[in-house]
Amino acid sequence: MDLIPVMDLMSGIAVSGKSGKRDTYQPLKTVYSKTPDPVDIAISLKRRGFKRIYVADLDAIEGRGSNLEIVQKINHVLPVTLDWGVKDIKSFSFVLDFADKIIIATETLSSWDDLEEICTQFPKQRIVISIDVKDGQILSRDLPISFTEIKSKLEEFKPEEIILLDISGVGTLSGFKLDLLNNFRGMEDSLILGGGITPDDIQNLNKLGFKRYLIGTALHSGKIQ
C-alpha cells in the first residue's frame, strides 16, 4: 500500500482548505510541524517513513506566481510528484528539473495533442496524469472532457500512474465517492485515489484492489499516521 502525503503551496507556505475553494485557503495546521513551513513538514514526513510527496503549487495553477524554489528544496527531502498547472509540452519540460514526477492535470491541459507529445517524448516514470473531478464532472478550463473520452486517452497512452482526484471532497474527510470508480474499471493498478480519503476508505478500497492514495486532511490532523 502506498500512502502519499499531500501538500498545497501558496505564497511560500503550506496551506489547506476545502473543496478546491482556493481563495479561502489558510496556513496549514499539521501534526508534523509547529509551523506551515513546507520543508520542515517534508523533513518530518520523511522521518515518519513516507517515501514521496504530492505537491500542488496553487499559485502556478492559478497563474499568479510560482513556488518552484521551495518545490526543489522539498524534492531534495522527498521525491515530489508536482502539480504545477502544466498546460502543454513546454511547461512540462520546464518543470522537469524541479521534481521527480510531473502531473498533467485535466484542469489545466490545453490540448490532446500536447498530452500525446508529452506521453511519447518523455519517460513514463516521469509522467502522472490527473483526472480532476468537481461536482461529479471532469474539471477542465480549455477542453470539454467526458469520462469516456479521458478513459480512451488513458488506454491509448498507458501512463504508469493516474490520479483520480475528487476536488469536491478535498479537506472534508467525507469519504471517497465510490461511484467515480465505475468510469475506470480495469485501471485499479494505475490509479491513485484522492479527495476526502479516510482511514475507513483505505480499508474498504484495498479490498477492491486499490493500493495508492493521496492523504491530506486525514494525515495532517493525525487520523492517519
Protein backbone atom coordinates (compact mmCIF):
# COMPACT_ATOMS: atom_id res chain seq x y z
CA MET A 1 0.00 0.00 0.00
CA ASP A 2 1.26 3.46 -0.93
CA LEU A 3 0.09 6.42 1.16
CA ILE A 4 1.20 9.68 -0.45
CA PRO A 5 1.15 12.84 1.70
CA VAL A 6 -0.41 15.94 0.14
CA MET A 7 0.95 19.46 0.48
CA ASP A 8 -0.58 22.53 -1.17
CA LEU A 9 1.66 25.59 -1.53
CA MET A 10 0.59 29.22 -1.71
CA SER A 11 2.74 32.32 -1.20
CA GLY A 12 5.65 30.24 0.06
CA ILE A 13 3.85 28.27 2.78
CA ALA A 14 1.79 25.11 3.11
CA VAL A 15 -1.94 25.79 3.12
CA SER A 16 -5.20 23.88 3.49
CA GLY A 17 -8.81 24.34 2.58
CA LYS A 18 -11.94 22.59 1.42
CA SER A 19 -13.36 21.55 -1.93
CA GLY A 20 -10.85 23.48 -4.03
CA LYS A 21 -12.09 26.91 -2.92
CA ARG A 22 -8.59 28.32 -3.09
CA ASP A 23 -9.46 31.89 -2.14
CA THR A 24 -10.41 30.60 1.33
CA TYR A 25 -7.29 28.52 1.98
CA GLN A 26 -5.44 29.14 5.26
CA PRO A 27 -1.96 28.26 6.60
CA LEU A 28 -1.76 24.52 7.18
CA LYS A 29 -2.06 23.22 10.71
CA THR A 30 -0.37 19.83 10.88
CA VAL A 31 0.78 17.36 13.49
CA TYR A 32 4.04 17.17 11.55
CA SER A 33 5.27 20.71 12.26
CA LYS A 34 4.61 23.67 14.54
CA THR A 35 4.62 25.97 11.52
CA PRO A 36 3.35 25.79 7.90
CA ASP A 37 6.96 25.69 6.64
CA PRO A 38 6.87 23.24 3.70
CA VAL A 39 10.44 21.98 4.07
CA ASP A 40 10.07 21.37 7.81
CA ILE A 41 6.89 19.39 7.16
CA ALA A 42 8.61 17.34 4.45
CA ILE A 43 11.51 16.53 6.77
CA SER A 44 9.10 15.37 9.45
CA LEU A 45 7.19 13.22 6.96
CA LYS A 46 10.41 11.60 5.80
CA ARG A 47 11.31 10.78 9.39
CA ARG A 48 7.94 9.05 9.74
CA GLY A 49 8.81 6.81 6.82
CA PHE A 50 6.97 8.35 3.88
CA LYS A 51 8.73 7.78 0.55
CA ARG A 52 7.27 10.52 -1.67
CA ILE A 53 5.03 13.58 -1.53
CA TYR A 54 2.36 15.15 -3.75
CA VAL A 55 2.78 18.91 -4.04
CA ALA A 56 0.31 21.30 -5.69
CA ASP A 57 1.69 24.75 -6.45
CA LEU A 58 -1.59 26.66 -6.26
CA ASP A 59 -0.04 29.95 -7.32
CA ALA A 60 1.23 28.38 -10.53
CA ILE A 61 -2.05 26.54 -11.15
CA GLU A 62 -3.92 29.84 -10.79
CA GLY A 63 -1.40 31.65 -12.99
CA ARG A 64 -0.33 34.18 -10.36
CA GLY A 65 3.21 33.14 -9.45
CA SER A 66 5.24 30.10 -8.54
CA ASN A 67 6.83 28.25 -5.62
CA LEU A 68 9.40 26.30 -7.61
CA GLU A 69 12.34 27.19 -5.38
CA ILE A 70 10.52 25.65 -2.42
CA VAL A 71 9.40 22.69 -4.51
CA GLN A 72 13.03 22.00 -5.38
CA LYS A 73 14.00 22.11 -1.69
CA ILE A 74 11.19 19.69 -0.84
CA ASN A 75 12.33 17.41 -3.67
CA HIS A 76 15.76 17.16 -2.01
CA VAL A 77 13.98 15.77 1.07
CA LEU A 78 11.29 13.58 -0.53
CA PRO A 79 10.68 12.87 -4.23
CA VAL A 80 7.96 15.28 -5.34
CA THR A 81 5.03 14.46 -7.60
CA LEU A 82 4.23 18.01 -8.73
CA ASP A 83 1.07 19.66 -9.99
CA TRP A 84 2.33 22.97 -11.38
CA GLY A 85 -0.57 23.69 -13.69
CA VAL A 86 1.11 22.15 -16.75
CA LYS A 87 -0.73 23.20 -19.90
CA ASP A 88 1.47 21.91 -22.69
CA ILE A 89 4.77 20.26 -23.57
CA LYS A 90 6.72 23.48 -22.99
CA SER A 91 5.58 23.89 -19.39
CA PHE A 92 6.02 20.16 -18.74
CA SER A 93 9.64 20.14 -19.90
CA PHE A 94 10.38 23.33 -17.95
CA VAL A 95 9.45 21.88 -14.55
CA LEU A 96 11.16 18.50 -15.02
CA ASP A 97 14.26 19.85 -13.28
CA PHE A 98 12.33 20.69 -10.10
CA ALA A 99 10.51 17.47 -9.20
CA ASP A 100 10.63 13.70 -9.55
CA LYS A 101 7.31 13.32 -11.38
CA ILE A 102 5.24 15.93 -13.18
CA ILE A 103 1.45 15.90 -13.22
CA ILE A 104 -0.57 16.70 -16.31
CA ALA A 105 -3.99 17.59 -14.90
CA THR A 106 -7.24 17.86 -16.80
CA GLU A 107 -7.88 21.20 -15.08
CA THR A 108 -5.05 22.92 -16.95
CA LEU A 109 -4.28 20.74 -20.01
CA SER A 110 -4.71 22.83 -23.16
CA SER A 111 -4.95 20.16 -25.88
CA TRP A 112 -4.93 16.41 -26.53
CA ASP A 113 -2.04 16.93 -28.96
CA ASP A 114 0.15 18.24 -26.15
CA LEU A 115 -0.75 15.28 -23.96
CA GLU A 116 0.18 12.90 -26.78
CA GLU A 117 3.50 14.70 -27.34
CA ILE A 118 4.39 14.53 -23.65
CA CYS A 119 3.48 10.85 -23.38
CA THR A 120 5.52 9.91 -26.45
CA GLN A 121 8.58 12.12 -25.88
CA PHE A 122 9.24 11.70 -22.14
CA PRO A 123 9.84 8.64 -19.92
CA LYS A 124 6.67 7.19 -18.44
CA GLN A 125 8.15 7.17 -14.95
CA ARG A 126 8.26 10.98 -15.01
CA ILE A 127 4.61 11.41 -16.05
CA VAL A 128 1.42 11.33 -13.96
CA ILE A 129 -1.98 12.14 -15.46
CA SER A 130 -4.54 13.62 -13.06
CA ILE A 131 -8.27 13.36 -13.68
CA ASP A 132 -9.67 16.29 -11.72
CA VAL A 133 -13.32 15.93 -10.79
CA LYS A 134 -15.54 18.60 -9.26
CA ASP A 135 -19.26 18.21 -8.52
CA GLY A 136 -19.27 14.92 -10.41
CA GLN A 137 -17.85 16.37 -13.65
CA ILE A 138 -14.32 16.41 -15.03
CA LEU A 139 -12.78 19.81 -14.37
CA SER A 140 -11.09 21.41 -17.39
CA ARG A 141 -10.56 25.04 -18.37
CA ASP A 142 -9.78 24.54 -22.06
CA LEU A 143 -11.12 21.14 -23.11
CA PRO A 144 -14.63 19.70 -22.87
CA ILE A 145 -13.75 16.28 -21.42
CA SER A 146 -16.07 13.36 -20.77
CA PHE A 147 -15.27 10.31 -18.63
CA THR A 148 -15.49 8.13 -21.74
CA GLU A 149 -13.06 10.33 -23.64
CA ILE A 150 -10.45 10.52 -20.88
CA LYS A 151 -10.59 6.75 -20.34
CA SER A 152 -10.00 6.25 -24.07
CA LYS A 153 -6.94 8.53 -23.93
CA LEU A 154 -5.60 6.72 -20.87
CA GLU A 155 -5.98 3.37 -22.60
CA GLU A 156 -4.13 4.81 -25.60
CA PHE A 157 -1.20 6.35 -23.72
CA LYS A 158 -0.97 3.78 -20.88
CA PRO A 159 0.56 6.03 -18.17
CA GLU A 160 2.11 4.24 -15.20
CA GLU A 161 0.22 6.42 -12.71
CA ILE A 162 -3.19 8.09 -12.93
CA ILE A 163 -4.58 10.29 -10.16
CA LEU A 164 -8.34 10.32 -9.73
CA LEU A 165 -8.88 13.44 -7.62
CA ASP A 166 -12.31 14.41 -6.34
CA ILE A 167 -11.70 18.10 -5.67
CA SER A 168 -15.14 18.46 -4.10
CA GLY A 169 -14.03 16.09 -1.33
CA VAL A 170 -10.69 17.75 -0.60
CA GLY A 171 -10.39 18.79 3.04
CA THR A 172 -13.78 17.36 4.02
CA LEU A 173 -12.98 13.85 5.33
CA SER A 174 -16.33 12.97 3.76
CA GLY A 175 -15.09 9.76 2.14
CA PHE A 176 -14.15 8.98 -1.44
CA LYS A 177 -17.09 8.85 -3.86
CA LEU A 178 -17.14 5.22 -4.99
CA ASP A 179 -19.36 5.91 -7.99
CA LEU A 180 -16.42 7.68 -9.67
CA LEU A 181 -14.62 4.35 -9.87
CA ASN A 182 -17.25 2.95 -12.24
CA ASN A 183 -15.70 5.06 -15.00
CA PHE A 184 -12.27 3.43 -14.65
CA ARG A 185 -12.81 -0.30 -14.27
CA GLY A 186 -9.69 -2.28 -15.13
CA MET A 187 -7.31 0.53 -14.16
CA GLU A 188 -7.02 -0.33 -10.46
CA ASP A 189 -3.26 -0.97 -10.66
CA SER A 190 -2.55 2.50 -12.10
CA LEU A 191 -4.98 4.65 -10.09
CA ILE A 192 -4.04 6.90 -7.16
CA LEU A 193 -7.22 7.99 -5.37
CA GLY A 194 -7.58 11.35 -3.63
CA GLY A 195 -10.20 13.67 -2.18
CA GLY A 196 -11.87 13.13 1.19
CA ILE A 197 -9.95 9.90 1.87
CA THR A 198 -10.48 8.50 5.38
CA PRO A 199 -8.93 5.52 7.21
CA ASP A 200 -12.15 3.55 6.57
CA ASP A 201 -11.90 4.36 2.85
CA ILE A 202 -8.43 2.88 2.70
CA GLN A 203 -9.57 -0.37 4.32
CA ASN A 204 -12.58 -0.68 2.03
CA LEU A 205 -10.81 0.35 -1.18
CA ASN A 206 -7.95 -2.05 -0.53
CA LYS A 207 -10.49 -4.88 -0.74
CA LEU A 208 -11.49 -3.61 -4.20
CA GLY A 209 -7.90 -3.80 -5.44
CA PHE A 210 -6.78 -0.19 -4.96
CA LYS A 211 -3.43 0.37 -3.27
CA ARG A 212 -2.41 4.04 -3.68
CA TYR A 213 -3.94 7.07 -2.00
CA LEU A 214 -3.39 10.80 -1.64
CA ILE A 215 -3.84 11.72 2.02
CA GLY A 216 -4.11 15.34 3.12
CA THR A 217 -6.51 16.33 5.88
CA ALA A 218 -6.59 12.81 7.39
CA LEU A 219 -2.79 12.86 7.55
CA HIS A 220 -2.20 16.38 8.87
CA SER A 221 -4.92 16.03 11.51
CA GLY A 222 -3.31 12.85 12.80
CA LYS A 223 -6.13 10.47 11.78
CA ILE A 224 -3.68 8.60 9.55
CA GLN A 225 -0.04 8.18 10.61
